[in-house]
Protein backbone atom coordinates (compact mmCIF):
# COMPACT_ATOMS: atom_id res chain seq x y z
CA MET A 1 -162.39 -122.69 -64.75
CA VAL A 2 -161.07 -119.58 -63.18
CA ARG A 3 -158.51 -121.62 -61.47
CA GLU A 4 -157.49 -123.38 -64.45
CA ALA A 5 -157.11 -119.66 -66.07
CA GLN A 6 -154.96 -118.88 -63.12
CA LYS A 7 -153.00 -121.96 -63.13
CA ALA A 8 -152.13 -121.27 -66.79
CA THR A 9 -151.49 -117.55 -66.50
CA ILE A 10 -148.84 -118.59 -63.55
CA ILE A 11 -147.31 -121.67 -65.70
CA ILE A 12 -146.84 -118.82 -68.94
CA GLN A 13 -145.45 -116.49 -66.67
CA GLU A 14 -142.96 -119.18 -65.21
CA GLY A 15 -142.26 -120.00 -68.59
CA VAL A 16 -141.26 -116.15 -69.79
CA ASP A 17 -139.46 -115.85 -66.95
CA GLU A 18 -137.32 -118.74 -67.60
CA MET A 19 -136.68 -117.51 -71.26
CA ARG A 20 -135.55 -114.29 -69.76
CA ARG A 21 -133.02 -115.71 -67.68
CA ILE A 22 -131.84 -117.94 -70.74
CA VAL A 23 -131.40 -115.26 -72.60
CA THR A 24 -129.76 -112.92 -70.24
CA ASN A 25 -127.24 -115.82 -69.60
CA ILE A 26 -126.73 -116.18 -72.93
CA MET A 27 -126.31 -112.37 -73.62
CA LEU A 28 -124.02 -112.22 -70.59
CA ASN A 29 -121.60 -115.40 -71.78
CA LEU A 30 -121.27 -113.80 -75.15
CA CYS A 31 -120.06 -110.30 -73.28
CA HIS A 32 -117.76 -112.50 -70.99
CA GLY A 33 -116.39 -114.24 -74.09
CA GLY A 34 -115.79 -110.94 -76.22
CA LEU A 35 -114.10 -109.25 -73.30
CA GLN A 36 -111.84 -112.59 -72.98
CA GLU A 37 -111.08 -112.08 -76.57
CA VAL A 38 -110.21 -108.53 -75.85
CA VAL A 39 -108.10 -109.26 -72.97
CA GLU A 40 -106.08 -111.75 -74.53
CA ALA A 41 -105.78 -109.75 -77.86
CA GLU A 42 -103.84 -106.86 -75.45
CA ARG A 43 -101.86 -109.42 -73.77
CA LEU A 44 -100.70 -110.94 -77.38
CA GLU A 45 -100.00 -107.23 -78.58
CA VAL A 46 -97.94 -106.17 -75.19
CA ALA A 47 -95.89 -109.77 -76.23
CA LEU A 48 -95.29 -108.90 -79.73
CA THR A 49 -94.08 -105.49 -78.98
CA GLU A 50 -92.11 -106.68 -76.49
CA ASP A 51 -90.52 -109.13 -78.67
CA GLU A 52 -89.89 -106.53 -81.30
CA ILE A 53 -88.33 -104.12 -78.83
CA ALA A 54 -85.74 -107.14 -77.71
CA TYR A 55 -85.28 -108.01 -81.20
CA HIS A 56 -84.00 -104.62 -82.48
CA GLU A 57 -81.96 -104.06 -79.00
CA ASN A 58 -80.37 -107.43 -80.04
CA VAL A 59 -79.73 -106.70 -83.47
CA GLY A 60 -78.46 -103.23 -82.70
CA MET A 61 -75.98 -105.07 -80.22
CA LEU A 62 -74.64 -106.57 -83.13
CA VAL A 63 -74.55 -104.31 -85.30
CA ARG A 64 -72.57 -101.76 -83.22
CA PRO A 65 -68.77 -101.96 -83.09
């Protein structure tokens, strides 16, 4: 009977360990996805700023005599 209890304890512990790994992986994936979004947003902001500067430079050239 003690052996069965030990086996059950080991099985439960392995299940808990697996659930911890799964939850940790989910959290890391969510954090990674959030970081990727931030990086993409920063790249978009830079691109939009560069486009706006280029536009104003071109408009300025057209308006100047």
